[in-house]
PDB file of N, CA and C in Angstrom:
ATOM      1  N   MET A   1     -20.352 -11.115 -20.390  1.00  0.00           N
ATOM      2  CA  MET A   1     -19.753 -10.053 -19.920  1.00  0.00           C
ATOM      3  C   MET A   1     -18.684  -9.359 -21.105  1.00  0.00           C
ATOM      4  N   THR A   2     -18.760  -8.260 -21.055  1.00  0.00           N
ATOM      5  CA  THR A   2     -17.743  -7.623 -21.966  1.00  0.00           C
ATOM      6  C   THR A   2     -16.736  -6.734 -21.036  1.00  0.00           C
ATOM      7  N   LEU A   3     -15.523  -6.554 -21.873  1.00  0.00           N
ATOM      8  CA  LEU A   3     -14.650  -5.506 -21.078  1.00  0.00           C
ATOM      9  C   LEU A   3     -15.060  -4.336 -20.427  1.00  0.00           C
ATOM     10  N   PRO A   4     -15.844  -3.797 -21.287  1.00  0.00           N
ATOM     11  CA  PRO A   4     -16.121  -2.262 -20.970  1.00  0.00           C
ATOM     12  C   PRO A   4     -17.204  -2.097 -19.629  1.00  0.00           C
ATOM     13  N   LEU A   5     -17.791  -3.181 -19.451  1.00  0.00           N
ATOM     14  CA  LEU A   5     -18.811  -3.459 -18.140  1.00  0.00           C
ATOM     15  C   LEU A   5     -17.822  -3.729 -17.129  1.00  0.00           C
ATOM     16  N   VAL A   6     -16.591  -4.674 -17.257  1.00  0.00           N
ATOM     17  CA  VAL A   6     -15.673  -4.894 -16.190  1.00  0.00           C
ATOM     18  C   VAL A   6     -14.858  -3.889 -15.892  1.00  0.00           C
ATOM     19  N   VAL A   7     -14.228  -2.976 -16.709  1.00  0.00           N
ATOM     20  CA  VAL A   7     -13.543  -2.015 -16.398  1.00  0.00           C
ATOM     21  C   VAL A   7     -13.611  -1.175 -15.033  1.00  0.00           C
ATOM     22  N   PRO A   8     -14.534  -0.795 -14.516  1.00  0.00           N
ATOM     23  CA  PRO A   8     -14.736   0.119 -13.369  1.00  0.00           C
ATOM     24  C   PRO A   8     -14.550  -0.543 -11.921  1.00  0.00           C
ATOM     25  N   PHE A   9     -15.099  -2.109 -12.219  1.00  0.00           N
ATOM     26  CA  PHE A   9     -14.555  -2.931 -10.884  1.00  0.00           C
ATOM     27  C   PHE A   9     -13.297  -3.251 -11.000  1.00  0.00           C
ATOM     28  N   LEU A  10     -12.484  -3.440 -12.131  1.00  0.00           N
ATOM     29  CA  LEU A  10     -11.052  -3.756 -12.172  1.00  0.00           C
ATOM     30  C   LEU A  10     -10.212  -2.559 -11.911  1.00  0.00           C
ATOM     31  N   THR A  11     -10.822  -1.529 -12.140  1.00  0.00           N
ATOM     32  CA  THR A  11     -10.134  -0.336 -11.604  1.00  0.00           C
ATOM     33  C   THR A  11      -9.887   0.035  -9.767  1.00  0.00           C
ATOM     34  N   ILE A  12     -11.289  -0.311  -9.302  1.00  0.00           N
ATOM     35  CA  ILE A  12     -11.367  -0.445  -7.945  1.00  0.00           C
ATOM     36  C   ILE A  12     -10.542  -1.366  -7.504  1.00  0.00           C
ATOM     37  N   ASN A  13     -10.677  -2.623  -7.932  1.00  0.00           N
ATOM     38  CA  ASN A  13      -9.910  -3.810  -7.507  1.00  0.00           C
ATOM     39  C   ASN A  13      -8.567  -3.282  -7.438  1.00  0.00           C
ATOM     40  N   LEU A  14      -7.751  -3.310  -8.575  1.00  0.00           N
ATOM     41  CA  LEU A  14      -6.689  -2.627  -8.626  1.00  0.00           C
ATOM     42  C   LEU A  14      -5.983  -1.347  -7.654  1.00  0.00           C
ATOM     43  N   VAL A  15      -6.962  -0.534  -7.284  1.00  0.00           N
ATOM     44  CA  VAL A  15      -6.131   0.456  -6.369  1.00  0.00           C
ATOM     45  C   VAL A  15      -6.319  -0.304  -5.141  1.00  0.00           C
ATOM     46  N   LEU A  16      -7.469  -0.848  -4.665  1.00  0.00           N
ATOM     47  CA  LEU A  16      -7.449  -1.654  -3.228  1.00  0.00           C
ATOM     48  C   LEU A  16      -6.310  -2.606  -3.230  1.00  0.00           C
ATOM     49  N   SER A  17      -6.106  -3.417  -3.777  1.00  0.00           N
ATOM     50  CA  SER A  17      -5.200  -4.504  -4.066  1.00  0.00           C
ATOM     51  C   SER A  17      -3.709  -3.877  -4.077  1.00  0.00           C
ATOM     52  N   THR A  18      -3.548  -2.876  -4.608  1.00  0.00           N
ATOM     53  CA  THR A  18      -2.351  -1.992  -4.455  1.00  0.00           C
ATOM     54  C   THR A  18      -2.134  -1.484  -2.849  1.00  0.00           C
ATOM     55  N   LYS A  19      -2.955  -0.420  -2.654  1.00  0.00           N
ATOM     56  CA  LYS A  19      -3.040  -0.105  -1.154  1.00  0.00           C
ATOM     57  C   LYS A  19      -2.828  -1.292  -0.048  1.00  0.00           C
ATOM     58  N   ASN A  20      -3.381  -2.423  -0.027  1.00  0.00           N
ATOM     59  CA  ASN A  20      -3.489  -3.593   0.809  1.00  0.00           C
ATOM     60  C   ASN A  20      -2.263  -4.297   0.536  1.00  0.00           C
ATOM     61  N   LEU A  21      -1.497  -4.284  -0.630  1.00  0.00           N
ATOM     62  CA  LEU A  21      -0.179  -4.945  -0.751  1.00  0.00           C
ATOM     63  C   LEU A  21       0.852  -3.953  -0.146  1.00  0.00           C
ATOM     64  N   LEU A  22       0.867  -2.735  -0.188  1.00  0.00           N
ATOM     65  CA  LEU A  22       1.655  -1.744   0.541  1.00  0.00           C
ATOM     66  C   LEU A  22       1.564  -1.729   1.768  1.00  0.00           C
ATOM     67  N   MET A  23       0.334  -1.698   2.159  1.00  0.00           N
ATOM     68  CA  MET A  23      -0.174  -1.350   3.663  1.00  0.00           C
ATOM     69  C   MET A  23       0.025  -2.604   4.582  1.00  0.00           C
ATOM     70  N   VAL A  24       0.538  -3.770   4.356  1.00  0.00           N
ATOM     71  CA  VAL A  24       0.159  -5.097   5.044  1.00  0.00           C
ATOM     72  C   VAL A  24       0.972  -5.162   6.531  1.00  0.00           C
ATOM     73  N   PHE A  25       0.298  -4.949   7.619  1.00  0.00           N
ATOM     74  CA  PHE A  25       0.802  -4.785   8.741  1.00  0.00           C
ATOM     75  C   PHE A  25       0.403  -5.959   9.734  1.00  0.00           C
ATOM     76  N   ASP A  26      -0.969  -6.263   9.834  1.00  0.00           N
ATOM     77  CA  ASP A  26      -1.286  -7.496  10.800  1.00  0.00           C
ATOM     78  C   ASP A  26      -0.999  -8.718  10.610  1.00  0.00           C
ATOM     79  N   GLN A  27      -0.810  -9.300   9.248  1.00  0.00           N
ATOM     80  CA  GLN A  27      -0.466 -10.386   9.256  1.00  0.00           C
ATOM     81  C   GLN A  27       1.014 -10.908   9.567  1.00  0.00           C
ATOM     82  N   ILE A  28       1.676  -9.902   9.130  1.00  0.00           N
ATOM     83  CA  ILE A  28       3.289  -9.817   9.600  1.00  0.00           C
ATOM     84  C   ILE A  28       3.485  -9.805  11.024  1.00  0.00           C
ATOM     85  N   MET A  29       2.657  -8.607  11.721  1.00  0.00           N
ATOM     86  CA  MET A  29       2.881  -8.483  13.156  1.00  0.00           C
ATOM     87  C   MET A  29       2.495  -9.835  13.865  1.00  0.00           C
ATOM     88  N   SER A  30       1.511 -10.639  13.485  1.00  0.00           N
ATOM     89  CA  SER A  30       0.812 -11.727  14.284  1.00  0.00           C
ATOM     90  C   SER A  30       1.450 -13.142  14.181  1.00  0.00           C
ATOM     91  N   LEU A  31       2.137 -13.244  12.506  1.00  0.00           N
ATOM     92  CA  LEU A  31       2.680 -14.425  12.051  1.00  0.00           C
ATOM     93  C   LEU A  31       3.977 -14.479  12.586  1.00  0.00           C
ATOM     94  N   THR A  32       5.123 -13.583  12.060  1.00  0.00           N
ATOM     95  CA  THR A  32       6.255 -13.726  12.109  1.00  0.00           C
ATOM     96  C   THR A  32       6.983 -12.508  12.711  1.00  0.00           C
ATOM     97  N   LYS A  33       6.673 -11.674  12.979  1.00  0.00           N
ATOM     98  CA  LYS A  33       7.101 -10.340  13.559  1.00  0.00           C
ATOM     99  C   LYS A  33       8.105  -9.996  12.729  1.00  0.00           C
ATOM    100  N   GLY A  34       8.202 -10.111  11.546  1.00  0.00           N
ATOM    101  CA  GLY A  34       9.611  -9.612  10.774  1.00  0.00           C
ATOM    102  C   GLY A  34       9.975 -10.671  10.232  1.00  0.00           C
ATOM    103  N   GLY A  35       9.852 -12.189  10.448  1.00  0.00           N
ATOM    104  CA  GLY A  35      10.505 -13.250  10.052  1.00  0.00           C
ATOM    105  C   GLY A  35      11.760 -13.350  10.541  1.00  0.00           C
ATOM    106  N   PRO A  36      12.306 -14.781   9.871  1.00  0.00           N
ATOM    107  CA  PRO A  36      13.649 -14.878   9.984  1.00  0.00           C
ATOM    108  C   PRO A  36      14.685 -14.059   9.474  1.00  0.00           C
ATOM    109  N   ALA A  37      15.273 -13.153   9.905  1.00  0.00           N
ATOM    110  CA  ALA A  37      16.254 -12.312   9.384  1.00  0.00           C
ATOM    111  C   ALA A  37      15.475 -11.366   8.818  1.00  0.00           C
ATOM    112  N   GLN A  38      14.382 -10.720   8.951  1.00  0.00           N
ATOM    113  CA  GLN A  38      13.596  -9.658   8.652  1.00  0.00           C
ATOM    114  C   GLN A  38      13.196 -10.046   7.047  1.00  0.00           C
ATOM    115  N   SER A  39      12.978 -11.061   6.922  1.00  0.00           N
ATOM    116  CA  SER A  39      12.663 -11.688   5.356  1.00  0.00           C
ATOM    117  C   SER A  39      11.245 -11.349   5.130  1.00  0.00           C
ATOM    118  N   THR A  40      10.402 -10.820   6.205  1.00  0.00           N
ATOM    119  CA  THR A  40       8.836 -10.751   5.832  1.00  0.00           C
ATOM    120  C   THR A  40       8.412  -9.326   6.126  1.00  0.00           C
ATOM    121  N   GLU A  41       9.339  -8.135   6.362  1.00  0.00           N
ATOM    122  CA  GLU A  41       9.110  -6.966   6.929  1.00  0.00           C
ATOM    123  C   GLU A  41       8.347  -6.243   5.694  1.00  0.00           C
ATOM    124  N   SER A  42       7.633  -5.266   6.043  1.00  0.00           N
ATOM    125  CA  SER A  42       6.878  -4.503   4.960  1.00  0.00           C
ATOM    126  C   SER A  42       7.401  -3.030   5.563  1.00  0.00           C
ATOM    127  N   ILE A  43       7.095  -2.167   4.666  1.00  0.00           N
ATOM    128  CA  ILE A  43       7.413  -0.730   4.999  1.00  0.00           C
ATOM    129  C   ILE A  43       6.451  -0.288   6.158  1.00  0.00           C
ATOM    130  N   SER A  44       5.113  -0.459   6.165  1.00  0.00           N
ATOM    131  CA  SER A  44       4.356  -0.366   7.362  1.00  0.00           C
ATOM    132  C   SER A  44       4.815  -0.831   8.524  1.00  0.00           C
ATOM    133  N   TYR A  45       5.430  -2.448   8.879  1.00  0.00           N
ATOM    134  CA  TYR A  45       6.202  -2.673   9.583  1.00  0.00           C
ATOM    135  C   TYR A  45       7.253  -2.491  10.180  1.00  0.00           C
ATOM    136  N   LEU A  46       8.076  -2.235   9.077  1.00  0.00           N
ATOM    137  CA  LEU A  46       9.682  -1.283   9.363  1.00  0.00           C
ATOM    138  C   LEU A  46       9.319  -0.015  10.375  1.00  0.00           C
ATOM    139  N   ILE A  47       8.360   0.854   9.744  1.00  0.00           N
ATOM    140  CA  ILE A  47       7.822   2.225  10.288  1.00  0.00           C
ATOM    141  C   ILE A  47       7.545   1.942  11.925  1.00  0.00           C
ATOM    142  N   TYR A  48       6.642   0.869  11.818  1.00  0.00           N
ATOM    143  CA  TYR A  48       6.043   0.490  13.213  1.00  0.00           C
ATOM    144  C   TYR A  48       7.244   0.072  14.069  1.00  0.00           C
ATOM    145  N   ARG A  49       8.158  -0.878  13.708  1.00  0.00           N
ATOM    146  CA  ARG A  49       9.063  -1.413  14.489  1.00  0.00           C
ATOM    147  C   ARG A  49      10.154  -0.438  15.063  1.00  0.00           C
ATOM    148  N   ASN A  50      10.655   0.353  14.021  1.00  0.00           N
ATOM    149  CA  ASN A  50      11.448   1.606  14.524  1.00  0.00           C
ATOM    150  C   ASN A  50      10.987   2.600  15.300  1.00  0.00           C
ATOM    151  N   GLY A  51      10.044   2.731  15.423  1.00  0.00           N
ATOM    152  CA  GLY A  51       9.226   3.867  16.009  1.00  0.00           C
ATOM    153  C   GLY A  51       9.111   3.409  17.529  1.00  0.00           C
ATOM    154  N   MET A  52       8.640   2.071  17.591  1.00  0.00           N
ATOM    155  CA  MET A  52       8.207   1.609  18.876  1.00  0.00           C
ATOM    156  C   MET A  52       9.571   1.016  19.691  1.00  0.00           C
ATOM    157  N   ASP A  53      10.379   0.192  19.081  1.00  0.00           N
ATOM    158  CA  ASP A  53      11.399  -0.446  19.618  1.00  0.00           C
ATOM    159  C   ASP A  53      12.564   0.742  19.603  1.00  0.00           C
ATOM    160  N   GLY A  54      12.674   1.482  18.435  1.00  0.00           N
ATOM    161  CA  GLY A  54      14.216   2.288  18.448  1.00  0.00           C
ATOM    162  C   GLY A  54      14.056   3.485  19.195  1.00  0.00           C
ATOM    163  N   GLY A  55      12.624   3.805  19.626  1.00  0.00           N
ATOM    164  CA  GLY A  55      12.417   5.161  20.197  1.00  0.00           C
ATOM    165  C   GLY A  55      12.312   6.515  19.082  1.00  0.00           C
ATOM    166  N   GLN A  56      12.296   6.111  17.839  1.00  0.00           N
ATOM    167  CA  GLN A  56      12.178   6.957  16.899  1.00  0.00           C
ATOM    168  C   GLN A  56      11.060   7.486  16.375  1.00  0.00           C
ATOM    169  N   PHE A  57      10.133   8.248  17.343  1.00  0.00           N
ATOM    170  CA  PHE A  57       8.465   8.624  16.944  1.00  0.00           C
ATOM    171  C   PHE A  57       8.541   9.717  16.156  1.00  0.00           C
ATOM    172  N   GLY A  58       9.394  10.891  16.157  1.00  0.00           N
ATOM    173  CA  GLY A  58       9.139  11.958  15.343  1.00  0.00           C
ATOM    174  C   GLY A  58       9.825  11.204  13.698  1.00  0.00           C
ATOM    175  N   PHE A  59      10.845  10.541  14.026  1.00  0.00           N
ATOM    176  CA  PHE A  59      11.136  10.363  12.717  1.00  0.00           C
ATOM    177  C   PHE A  59      10.316   9.230  11.785  1.00  0.00           C
ATOM    178  N   GLN A  60       9.753   8.602  12.460  1.00  0.00           N
ATOM    179  CA  GLN A  60       8.823   7.334  11.805  1.00  0.00           C
ATOM    180  C   GLN A  60       7.615   7.999  11.742  1.00  0.00           C
ATOM    181  N   SER A  61       7.207   9.092  12.263  1.00  0.00           N
ATOM    182  CA  SER A  61       6.083   9.990  11.970  1.00  0.00           C
ATOM    183  C   SER A  61       6.147  10.312  10.469  1.00  0.00           C
ATOM    184  N   ALA A  62       7.266  10.989  10.342  1.00  0.00           N
ATOM    185  CA  ALA A  62       7.474  11.574   9.387  1.00  0.00           C
ATOM    186  C   ALA A  62       7.788  10.530   7.855  1.00  0.00           C
ATOM    187  N   ASN A  63       8.228   9.430   8.352  1.00  0.00           N
ATOM    188  CA  ASN A  63       8.116   8.317   7.377  1.00  0.00           C
ATOM    189  C   ASN A  63       6.758   7.927   6.875  1.00  0.00           C
ATOM    190  N   ALA A  64       5.915   7.825   7.763  1.00  0.00           N
ATOM    191  CA  ALA A  64       4.464   7.519   7.809  1.00  0.00           C
ATOM    192  C   ALA A  64       3.758   8.384   7.043  1.00  0.00           C
ATOM    193  N   VAL A  65       3.963   9.862   6.988  1.00  0.00           N
ATOM    194  CA  VAL A  65       3.483  10.692   6.193  1.00  0.00           C
ATOM    195  C   VAL A  65       3.947  10.723   4.762  1.00  0.00           C
ATOM    196  N   ILE A  66       5.273  10.572   4.488  1.00  0.00           N
ATOM    197  CA  ILE A  66       5.547  10.311   3.161  1.00  0.00           C
ATOM    198  C   ILE A  66       5.256   9.081   2.537  1.00  0.00           C
ATOM    199  N   PHE A  67       5.172   7.831   3.313  1.00  0.00           N
ATOM    200  CA  PHE A  67       4.738   6.734   2.685  1.00  0.00           C
ATOM    201  C   PHE A  67       3.151   6.889   2.497  1.00  0.00           C
ATOM    202  N   PHE A  68       2.502   7.786   3.252  1.00  0.00           N
ATOM    203  CA  PHE A  68       1.162   7.993   2.854  1.00  0.00           C
ATOM    204  C   PHE A  68       1.052   8.938   1.366  1.00  0.00           C
ATOM    205  N   LEU A  69       2.193   9.775   1.217  1.00  0.00           N
ATOM    206  CA  LEU A  69       1.893  10.464  -0.140  1.00  0.00           C
ATOM    207  C   LEU A  69       2.337   9.885  -1.434  1.00  0.00           C
ATOM    208  N   VAL A  70       3.329   8.548  -1.041  1.00  0.00           N
ATOM    209  CA  VAL A  70       3.584   7.640  -2.016  1.00  0.00           C
ATOM    210  C   VAL A  70       2.112   6.741  -2.385  1.00  0.00           C
ATOM    211  N   ILE A  71       1.709   6.460  -1.451  1.00  0.00           N
ATOM    212  CA  ILE A  71       0.435   5.756  -1.921  1.00  0.00           C
ATOM    213  C   ILE A  71      -0.460   6.499  -2.478  1.00  0.00           C
ATOM    214  N   VAL A  72      -0.748   7.656  -1.897  1.00  0.00           N
ATOM    215  CA  VAL A  72      -1.649   8.508  -2.694  1.00  0.00           C
ATOM    216  C   VAL A  72      -1.056   8.929  -4.230  1.00  0.00           C
ATOM    217  N   GLY A  73       0.153   9.102  -4.246  1.00  0.00           N
ATOM    218  CA  GLY A  73       0.571   9.358  -5.643  1.00  0.00           C
ATOM    219  C   GLY A  73       0.406   8.261  -6.811  1.00  0.00           C
ATOM    220  N   ILE A  74       0.636   6.901  -5.932  1.00  0.00           N
ATOM    221  CA  ILE A  74       0.352   5.952  -6.914  1.00  0.00           C
ATOM    222  C   ILE A  74      -1.235   5.705  -7.226  1.00  0.00           C
ATOM    223  N   THR A  75      -2.095   5.607  -6.385  1.00  0.00           N
ATOM    224  CA  THR A  75      -3.490   5.656  -6.484  1.00  0.00           C
ATOM    225  C   THR A  75      -3.797   6.407  -7.466  1.00  0.00           C
ATOM    226  N   VAL A  76      -3.448   7.969  -7.656  1.00  0.00           N
ATOM    227  CA  VAL A  76      -3.789   8.997  -8.524  1.00  0.00           C
ATOM    228  C   VAL A  76      -3.385   8.336  -9.940  1.00  0.00           C
ATOM    229  N   ALA A  77      -2.057   7.892  -9.966  1.00  0.00           N
ATOM    230  CA  ALA A  77      -1.489   7.337 -11.104  1.00  0.00           C
ATOM    231  C   ALA A  77      -2.717   6.513 -11.695  1.00  0.00           C
ATOM    232  N   GLN A  78      -2.644   5.310 -10.916  1.00  0.00           N
ATOM    233  CA  GLN A  78      -3.638   4.367 -11.531  1.00  0.00           C
ATOM    234  C   GLN A  78      -4.987   4.793 -11.980  1.00  0.00           C
ATOM    235  N   LEU A  79      -5.723   5.889 -10.812  1.00  0.00           N
ATOM    236  CA  LEU A  79      -7.169   6.157 -11.338  1.00  0.00           C
ATOM    237  C   LEU A  79      -6.898   6.675 -12.604  1.00  0.00           C
ATOM    238  N   THR A  80      -5.930   7.479 -12.730  1.00  0.00           N
ATOM    239  CA  THR A  80      -5.739   8.449 -14.085  1.00  0.00           C
ATOM    240  C   THR A  80      -5.610   7.611 -15.113  1.00  0.00           C
ATOM    241  N   ILE A  81      -4.859   6.416 -15.025  1.00  0.00           N
ATOM    242  CA  ILE A  81      -4.606   5.766 -16.347  1.00  0.00           C
ATOM    243  C   ILE A  81      -5.980   4.658 -16.594  1.00  0.00           C
ATOM    244  N   MET A  82      -6.360   4.338 -15.837  1.00  0.00           N
ATOM    245  CA  MET A  82      -7.965   3.664 -15.881  1.00  0.00           C
ATOM    246  C   MET A  82      -8.946   4.381 -16.195  1.00  0.00           C
ATOM    247  N   ASN A  83      -8.875   5.607 -15.957  1.00  0.00           N
ATOM    248  CA  ASN A  83      -9.939   6.208 -16.183  1.00  0.00           C
ATOM    249  C   ASN A  83     -10.015   6.695 -17.641  1.00  0.00           C
ATOM    250  N   LYS A  84      -8.684   6.615 -18.309  1.00  0.00           N
ATOM    251  CA  LYS A  84      -8.437   6.855 -19.913  1.00  0.00           C
ATOM    252  C   LYS A  84      -8.819   5.734 -20.214  1.00  0.00           C
ATOM    253  N   LYS A  85      -8.669   4.507 -19.784  1.00  0.00           N
ATOM    254  CA  LYS A  85      -8.655   3.129 -20.510  1.00  0.00           C
ATOM    255  C   LYS A  85     -10.701   3.025 -20.437  1.00  0.00           C
ATOM    256  N   GLU A  86     -11.070   3.516 -19.263  1.00  0.00           N
ATOM    257  CA  GLU A  86     -12.581   3.606 -19.124  1.00  0.00           C
ATOM    258  C   GLU A  86     -13.156   4.248 -20.466  1.00  0.00           C
ATOM    259  N   GLU A  87     -12.488   5.433 -20.862  1.00  0.00           N
ATOM    260  CA  GLU A  87     -13.043   6.285 -21.605  1.00  0.00           C
ATOM    261  C   GLU A  87     -13.212   5.835 -22.947  1.00  0.00           C
ATOM    262  N   GLN A  88     -11.624   5.312 -23.205  1.00  0.00           N
ATOM    263  CA  GLN A  88     -11.277   4.460 -24.645  1.00  0.00           C
ATOM    264  C   GLN A  88     -12.526   3.401 -25.037  1.00  0.00           C
ATOM    265  N   LEU A  89     -12.829   2.573 -24.086  1.00  0.00           N
ATOM    266  CA  LEU A  89     -13.908   1.616 -24.257  1.00  0.00           C
ATOM    267  C   LEU A  89     -15.212   1.754 -24.042  1.00  0.00           C
TER     268      LEU A  89
END
């Protein structure tokens, strides 16, 4: 196996891993609920907690949309960079 054959798989895995890193929710919710002194909170759990417990439904909905746009921006940047690498190889 050579690098040019593996780069498309690397691209997809990098994008999906980054998305999963940013959107981790279920593990935090089921295991620690934010952990001791909020040490294991993620952005998606913070949006959920402030929306449900704090009653800030509209504000947290806006935060979720902005978070979605940030994830889309990161994904587009990763795909652009990795597509250039694929063309070079």
